[in-house]
Amino acid sequence: MALGFNPSGTMLASGGIDGHLFVWSLALGTVARKFKSECGFCSLTWIDDSRILAGKIDGSVVLITLSHQLVVSCVVDEKHPVECLSSNQYALIASGSGDNIRALSICNGELQIERTYTLSGPREPDIIVTSLHWVDSFAPNALLSTYLDHGVVIWDTERATVIYSMDLTTFVGATALSPSQRILLVSNLSYGFDAYDIPAKKKVKEFKRQGNEINSKQVCLPVAFVQGGKLFAEGSATGQMTISHLNKSEPIQTIKHTDDPIILSLAEHFNSSTSCSLIACGTAGLKSASYVQVWMAQADLEPRSLRKRATSLFAGLEDKLEITSSNS
């Protein structure tokens, strides 16, 4: 499941492996746009408030222009699904699939592949890209990439050269980069999450979580910074989203979801004028249908400040968001 808020925080896009992509209006609680593909979606990012990029299982990327209901597709990898996408305020776009990272551009409404970046030399085990983040604090057009078993690499995308690398002792699943572009949170597919200081090239904190059953399941649990980087949200394999502080080992709040689903994806939008975060959780479980649940985290960091804002069934089962104001 892929989730993403538009830059203004008024809409939420959700894409699933069943081929449905919904764009929800958070103000109205209804579907503003919906799209159906024969192939499932596994990643997405907003370029701006009117354009979405979505990565598909068949190795293609689609550009969706909401104002014209226009969908343009480009095959970027014939062997692997497009597991990650990233864009920034300068409309720089990158995709990750298998061992390849590709810089993409939009020319006359069409998607084009500009360059491909692949780690050189024989490597064992296989190279798998797990996340991408643009990091202009390092260099113009710099792109941070993580690999399942090959650590962190920063590319100069103009020169197609590696300008930074850091080996990690764990697997690297989902990641989140702080707004300052200094701290990288990593889902390590083992005991929980780790925080790394990127410029210092060191691990600064371990967040060991009990009961996730991720040692045996190897679940790639999501993580996202919230409240402008003051806190972070974590997914789990037990139906819980937890809110944590970088300086504290234990979560400061736990939010329970119905039927104990796996929290597969997270997305966050921070409104700096109101100091409020919207946090979307995408779930999957054996006991119930997959769904998306959206929460509001306010400036007051006490547990009472986190409230359920909207819920919806996912993947075409319902076409309406139920806006509620119940406490968590």
Protein backbone atom coordinates (compact mmCIF):
# COMPACT_ATOMS: atom_id res chain seq x y z
CA MET A 1 0.00 0.00 0.00
CA ALA A 2 1.28 3.46 -0.91
CA LEU A 3 0.18 6.72 0.74
CA GLY A 4 0.95 10.40 0.31
CA PHE A 5 -0.46 13.82 1.21
CA ASN A 6 -0.37 16.57 -1.39
CA PRO A 7 1.94 19.51 -0.51
CA SER A 8 -0.91 21.67 0.84
CA GLY A 9 -2.31 18.85 3.00
CA THR A 10 -5.81 19.01 1.53
CA MET A 11 -5.79 15.63 -0.23
CA LEU A 12 -4.52 12.12 0.43
CA ALA A 13 -3.62 9.64 -2.31
CA SER A 14 -3.78 5.91 -1.60
CA GLY A 15 -2.69 3.20 -4.01
CA GLY A 16 -2.93 -0.56 -3.56
CA ILE A 17 -1.75 -3.80 -5.11
CA ASP A 18 -5.31 -4.35 -6.40
CA GLY A 19 -4.74 -1.53 -8.93
CA HIS A 20 -6.95 1.11 -7.29
CA LEU A 21 -5.62 4.60 -6.69
CA PHE A 22 -7.89 6.99 -4.78
CA VAL A 23 -7.43 10.71 -4.18
CA TRP A 24 -9.37 11.71 -1.07
CA SER A 25 -10.56 15.20 -0.21
CA LEU A 26 -9.94 15.53 3.51
CA ALA A 27 -12.26 18.54 3.84
CA LEU A 28 -15.24 16.80 2.22
CA GLY A 29 -14.48 13.25 3.28
CA THR A 30 -15.09 11.94 -0.23
CA VAL A 31 -13.15 10.59 -3.19
CA ALA A 32 -12.09 13.47 -5.44
CA ARG A 33 -10.57 11.22 -8.12
CA LYS A 34 -10.14 7.49 -8.59
CA PHE A 35 -8.12 5.48 -11.06
CA LYS A 36 -8.03 1.77 -11.89
CA SER A 37 -5.06 -0.07 -13.33
CA GLU A 38 -4.68 -3.71 -14.33
CA CYS A 39 -1.45 -3.73 -12.32
CA GLY A 40 -1.05 -2.80 -8.65
CA PHE A 41 0.59 0.28 -7.17
CA CYS A 42 3.47 0.01 -4.69
CA SER A 43 4.77 3.60 -4.37
CA LEU A 44 3.66 7.17 -4.97
CA THR A 45 4.74 10.78 -4.55
CA TRP A 46 3.15 14.15 -5.27
CA ILE A 47 5.01 16.53 -7.60
CA ASP A 48 2.63 19.37 -6.71
CA ASP A 49 -1.02 19.75 -5.75
CA SER A 50 -2.25 18.62 -9.15
CA ARG A 51 0.19 15.89 -10.21
CA ILE A 52 0.94 12.46 -8.75
CA LEU A 53 3.62 9.94 -9.69
CA ALA A 54 2.82 6.32 -8.89
CA GLY A 55 5.11 3.30 -9.18
CA LYS A 56 3.64 -0.01 -10.27
CA ILE A 57 4.40 -3.69 -9.78
CA ASP A 58 5.06 -4.13 -13.52
CA GLY A 59 8.04 -1.73 -13.41
CA SER A 60 6.27 1.31 -14.82
CA VAL A 61 5.69 4.79 -13.43
CA VAL A 62 2.50 6.69 -14.19
CA LEU A 63 2.08 10.46 -14.14
CA ILE A 64 -1.46 11.45 -13.13
CA THR A 65 -2.61 15.02 -13.78
CA LEU A 66 -5.74 15.53 -11.70
CA SER A 67 -7.04 18.63 -13.46
CA HIS A 68 -7.31 16.83 -16.80
CA GLN A 69 -7.75 13.23 -15.59
CA LEU A 70 -4.66 12.56 -17.71
CA VAL A 71 -2.53 9.46 -17.13
CA VAL A 72 0.86 9.01 -18.81
CA SER A 73 2.98 5.87 -18.32
CA CYS A 74 6.68 5.11 -18.70
CA VAL A 75 8.38 1.73 -18.20
CA VAL A 76 11.50 2.25 -16.06
CA ASP A 77 12.32 -1.38 -15.21
CA GLU A 78 11.21 -4.51 -17.05
CA LYS A 79 12.29 -6.87 -14.26
CA HIS A 80 11.40 -5.23 -10.95
CA PRO A 81 8.53 -3.31 -9.36
CA VAL A 82 9.02 0.39 -8.67
CA GLU A 83 9.27 0.19 -4.88
CA CYS A 84 10.18 3.81 -4.19
CA LEU A 85 9.72 7.27 -5.69
CA SER A 86 10.95 10.68 -4.59
CA SER A 87 10.43 14.23 -5.82
CA ASN A 88 11.33 17.63 -4.39
CA GLN A 89 10.31 21.27 -4.67
CA TYR A 90 12.45 21.64 -7.78
CA ALA A 91 10.50 18.88 -9.55
CA LEU A 92 13.49 16.54 -9.48
CA ILE A 93 12.22 12.96 -9.69
CA ALA A 94 13.85 9.61 -8.94
CA SER A 95 12.61 6.01 -8.94
CA GLY A 96 14.04 2.91 -7.29
CA SER A 97 13.48 -0.63 -8.56
CA GLY A 98 15.64 -3.66 -7.91
CA ASP A 99 19.25 -2.47 -8.05
CA ASN A 100 18.53 0.55 -10.25
CA ILE A 101 17.88 4.19 -9.48
CA ARG A 102 16.63 6.30 -12.34
CA ALA A 103 16.40 10.07 -12.68
CA LEU A 104 13.17 10.98 -14.46
CA SER A 105 11.99 14.16 -16.15
CA ILE A 106 8.73 15.45 -17.56
CA CYS A 107 8.98 16.92 -21.03
CA ASN A 108 5.89 18.10 -22.92
CA GLY A 109 3.70 16.08 -20.59
CA GLU A 110 5.67 12.87 -21.11
CA LEU A 111 7.83 10.96 -18.62
CA GLN A 112 11.41 10.31 -19.70
CA ILE A 113 14.37 8.45 -18.21
CA GLU A 114 17.36 10.78 -17.95
CA ARG A 115 19.97 8.65 -16.17
CA THR A 116 20.46 5.36 -14.34
CA TYR A 117 22.54 4.96 -11.17
CA THR A 118 23.75 1.50 -10.12
CA LEU A 119 26.36 0.56 -7.54
CA SER A 120 29.46 -0.71 -9.32
CA GLY A 121 31.28 -3.99 -8.87
CA PRO A 122 30.06 -7.45 -7.84
CA ARG A 123 28.15 -7.42 -4.57
CA GLU A 124 26.58 -10.13 -2.47
CA PRO A 125 23.76 -10.44 -1.70
CA ASP A 126 21.82 -8.80 -4.50
CA ILE A 127 21.46 -5.02 -4.44
CA ILE A 128 17.93 -3.84 -3.62
CA VAL A 129 17.01 -0.15 -3.35
CA THR A 130 14.67 0.45 -0.38
CA SER A 131 14.23 4.24 -0.18
CA LEU A 132 15.13 7.54 -1.84
CA HIS A 133 15.38 11.09 -0.45
CA TRP A 134 16.57 14.30 -2.14
CA VAL A 135 19.17 16.01 0.10
CA ASP A 136 20.13 19.41 -1.25
CA SER A 137 21.87 20.20 2.05
CA PHE A 138 24.73 17.98 0.83
CA ALA A 139 24.95 19.24 -2.74
CA PRO A 140 22.64 20.51 -5.46
CA ASN A 141 20.81 17.55 -7.00
CA ALA A 142 22.08 15.16 -4.30
CA LEU A 143 20.00 12.01 -3.80
CA LEU A 144 20.22 9.80 -0.70
CA SER A 145 19.50 6.14 -1.38
CA THR A 146 19.31 3.18 0.98
CA TYR A 147 19.82 -0.47 0.12
CA LEU A 148 18.51 -3.55 1.85
CA ASP A 149 21.97 -4.96 2.59
CA HIS A 150 24.33 -2.26 1.33
CA GLY A 151 23.80 0.73 3.62
CA VAL A 152 23.39 4.37 2.65
CA VAL A 153 24.71 6.10 -0.47
CA ILE A 154 24.37 9.70 -1.62
CA TRP A 155 24.59 10.33 -5.36
CA ASP A 156 25.50 13.49 -7.20
CA THR A 157 22.85 13.00 -9.86
CA GLU A 158 24.37 15.55 -12.23
CA ARG A 159 27.74 13.80 -12.35
CA ALA A 160 26.41 10.28 -11.65
CA THR A 161 28.99 9.80 -8.91
CA VAL A 162 28.83 8.63 -5.29
CA ILE A 163 29.70 11.48 -2.91
CA TYR A 164 28.91 9.71 0.38
CA SER A 165 28.47 6.18 1.71
CA MET A 166 27.86 4.59 5.10
CA ASP A 167 27.79 0.86 5.82
CA LEU A 168 25.20 -0.37 8.32
CA THR A 169 25.25 -3.54 10.40
CA THR A 170 21.54 -4.28 9.90
CA PHE A 171 19.14 -4.63 7.02
CA VAL A 172 17.57 -1.40 5.81
CA GLY A 173 13.83 -1.42 5.17
CA ALA A 174 11.64 1.66 5.22
CA THR A 175 13.30 4.94 6.20
CA ALA A 176 12.44 8.52 7.13
CA LEU A 177 14.65 11.58 6.73
CA SER A 178 14.31 14.48 9.19
CA PRO A 179 13.35 17.93 7.82
CA SER A 180 16.89 19.08 8.65
CA GLN A 181 18.20 16.22 6.46
CA ARG A 182 20.52 15.21 9.27
CA ILE A 183 18.83 12.23 10.97
CA LEU A 184 17.82 9.08 9.10
CA LEU A 185 15.43 6.67 10.80
CA VAL A 186 15.71 3.07 9.62
CA SER A 187 13.36 0.12 10.01
CA ASN A 188 15.96 -2.62 10.45
CA LEU A 189 13.71 -5.69 9.92
CA SER A 190 14.99 -7.08 13.20
CA TYR A 191 14.43 -5.49 16.61
CA GLY A 192 12.81 -2.20 15.56
CA PHE A 193 14.29 1.10 14.43
CA ASP A 194 17.63 2.90 14.43
CA ALA A 195 18.51 6.60 14.15
CA TYR A 196 21.64 7.64 12.25
CA ASP A 197 23.41 10.99 12.13
CA ILE A 198 24.16 11.24 8.41
CA PRO A 199 26.94 13.89 8.47
CA ALA A 200 28.64 12.17 11.43
CA LYS A 201 28.22 8.69 9.90
CA LYS A 202 27.15 7.09 13.15
CA LYS A 203 24.21 5.44 14.85
CA VAL A 204 22.87 7.71 17.58
CA LYS A 205 19.94 5.69 18.98
CA GLU A 206 18.35 2.24 18.92
CA PHE A 207 14.61 1.82 19.42
CA LYS A 208 14.00 -1.80 20.35
CA ARG A 209 10.38 -2.84 20.13
CA GLN A 210 8.89 -5.94 21.72
CA GLY A 211 5.92 -7.88 20.34
CA ASN A 212 6.24 -6.85 16.72
CA GLU A 213 7.17 -10.38 15.67
CA ILE A 214 9.38 -8.85 13.03
CA ASN A 215 12.35 -11.12 13.75
CA SER A 216 10.48 -14.02 12.15
CA LYS A 217 8.27 -12.14 9.69
CA GLN A 218 10.95 -9.76 8.35
CA VAL A 219 8.22 -7.13 8.04
CA CYS A 220 9.34 -3.82 6.57
CA LEU A 221 7.65 -1.55 9.09
CA PRO A 222 7.13 2.10 8.12
CA VAL A 223 8.41 5.15 9.96
CA ALA A 224 7.73 8.88 9.50
CA PHE A 225 8.83 12.10 11.17
CA VAL A 226 5.96 14.19 12.58
CA GLN A 227 5.55 17.60 14.20
CA GLY A 228 8.26 19.12 12.01
CA GLY A 229 10.81 16.49 13.06
CA LYS A 230 10.26 16.74 16.82
CA LEU A 231 8.71 13.27 16.97
CA PHE A 232 8.32 10.22 14.78
CA ALA A 233 5.58 7.69 14.12
CA GLU A 234 6.22 3.95 13.78
CA GLY A 235 4.22 1.13 12.26
CA SER A 236 3.96 -2.32 13.82
CA ALA A 237 2.86 -5.89 13.09
CA THR A 238 0.36 -5.77 15.96
CA GLY A 239 -2.10 -3.06 14.95
CA GLN A 240 -0.37 -0.25 16.81
CA MET A 241 1.02 3.06 15.65
CA THR A 242 3.36 4.54 18.21
CA ILE A 243 4.60 8.11 18.62
CA SER A 244 8.16 8.47 19.90
CA HIS A 245 10.76 11.10 20.69
CA LEU A 246 14.31 10.78 19.40
CA ASN A 247 15.69 11.24 22.91
CA LYS A 248 13.49 8.60 24.55
CA SER A 249 13.78 4.84 24.14
CA GLU A 250 10.12 4.07 24.81
CA PRO A 251 7.12 5.45 22.88
CA ILE A 252 5.28 8.40 24.41
CA GLN A 253 1.93 7.30 22.96
CA THR A 254 0.41 4.18 21.41
CA ILE A 255 -2.57 4.29 19.03
CA LYS A 256 -4.49 1.03 18.56
CA HIS A 257 -6.16 0.07 15.28
CA THR A 258 -9.16 -2.25 14.92
CA ASP A 259 -8.51 -6.00 14.39
CA ASP A 260 -4.74 -5.77 14.99
CA PRO A 261 -3.64 -5.27 11.37
CA ILE A 262 -0.06 -4.78 10.20
CA ILE A 263 0.63 -1.07 9.77
CA LEU A 264 2.17 -1.24 6.30
CA SER A 265 2.55 2.42 5.38
CA LEU A 266 2.64 5.89 6.91
CA ALA A 267 2.38 9.38 5.46
CA GLU A 268 2.61 12.72 7.26
CA HIS A 269 1.80 16.34 6.50
CA PHE A 270 2.90 19.10 8.89
CA ASN A 271 1.17 22.48 8.93
CA SER A 272 3.73 24.88 10.40
CA SER A 273 1.18 27.68 10.90
CA THR A 274 -1.00 25.53 13.17
CA SER A 275 1.74 23.15 14.42
CA CYS A 276 -0.49 20.20 13.53
CA SER A 277 0.44 16.98 11.77
CA LEU A 278 -1.87 14.73 9.79
CA ILE A 279 -0.71 11.11 9.95
CA ALA A 280 -2.16 8.52 7.58
CA CYS A 281 -1.81 4.81 8.39
CA GLY A 282 -2.29 2.12 5.76
CA THR A 283 -3.16 -1.30 7.16
CA ALA A 284 -3.46 -4.92 6.08
CA GLY A 285 -4.75 -7.80 8.16
CA LEU A 286 -6.15 -11.31 8.06
CA LYS A 287 -9.18 -10.44 10.17
CA SER A 288 -10.47 -7.45 8.22
CA ALA A 289 -10.22 -5.59 4.94
CA SER A 290 -7.32 -3.22 4.42
CA TYR A 291 -8.09 0.38 5.30
CA VAL A 292 -6.53 3.81 5.75
CA GLN A 293 -6.90 5.74 8.99
CA VAL A 294 -5.90 9.38 9.39
CA TRP A 295 -4.99 10.99 12.72
CA MET A 296 -4.29 14.54 13.83
CA ALA A 297 -1.33 15.30 16.11
CA GLN A 298 -1.57 18.77 17.64
CA ALA A 299 1.08 20.98 19.15
CA ASP A 300 0.24 19.78 22.67
CA LEU A 301 2.21 16.56 22.89
CA GLU A 302 0.12 14.97 25.62
CA PRO A 303 -1.72 11.75 24.61
CA ARG A 304 -5.07 13.52 24.53
CA SER A 305 -3.85 15.66 21.65
CA LEU A 306 -3.84 12.80 19.15
CA ARG A 307 -7.34 12.21 17.82
CA LYS A 308 -8.91 10.18 15.08
CA ARG A 309 -9.67 12.57 12.25
CA ALA A 310 -10.97 10.36 9.47
CA THR A 311 -11.34 6.72 8.55
CA SER A 312 -11.99 4.92 5.32
CA LEU A 313 -12.09 1.46 3.89
CA PHE A 314 -9.39 1.09 1.29
CA ALA A 315 -9.09 -0.31 -2.23
CA GLY A 316 -12.54 0.43 -3.54
CA LEU A 317 -14.60 -1.05 -0.74
CA GLU A 318 -16.02 2.36 0.20
CA ASP A 319 -16.04 5.72 -1.54
CA LYS A 320 -16.56 7.93 1.51
CA LEU A 321 -14.45 9.04 4.44
CA GLU A 322 -16.25 9.15 7.78
CA ILE A 323 -15.10 12.31 9.53
CA THR A 324 -15.13 11.85 13.30
CA SER A 325 -13.97 13.76 16.34
CA SER A 326 -13.71 10.91 18.81
CA ASN A 327 -10.76 10.73 21.17
CA SER A 328 -8.10 8.12 20.57
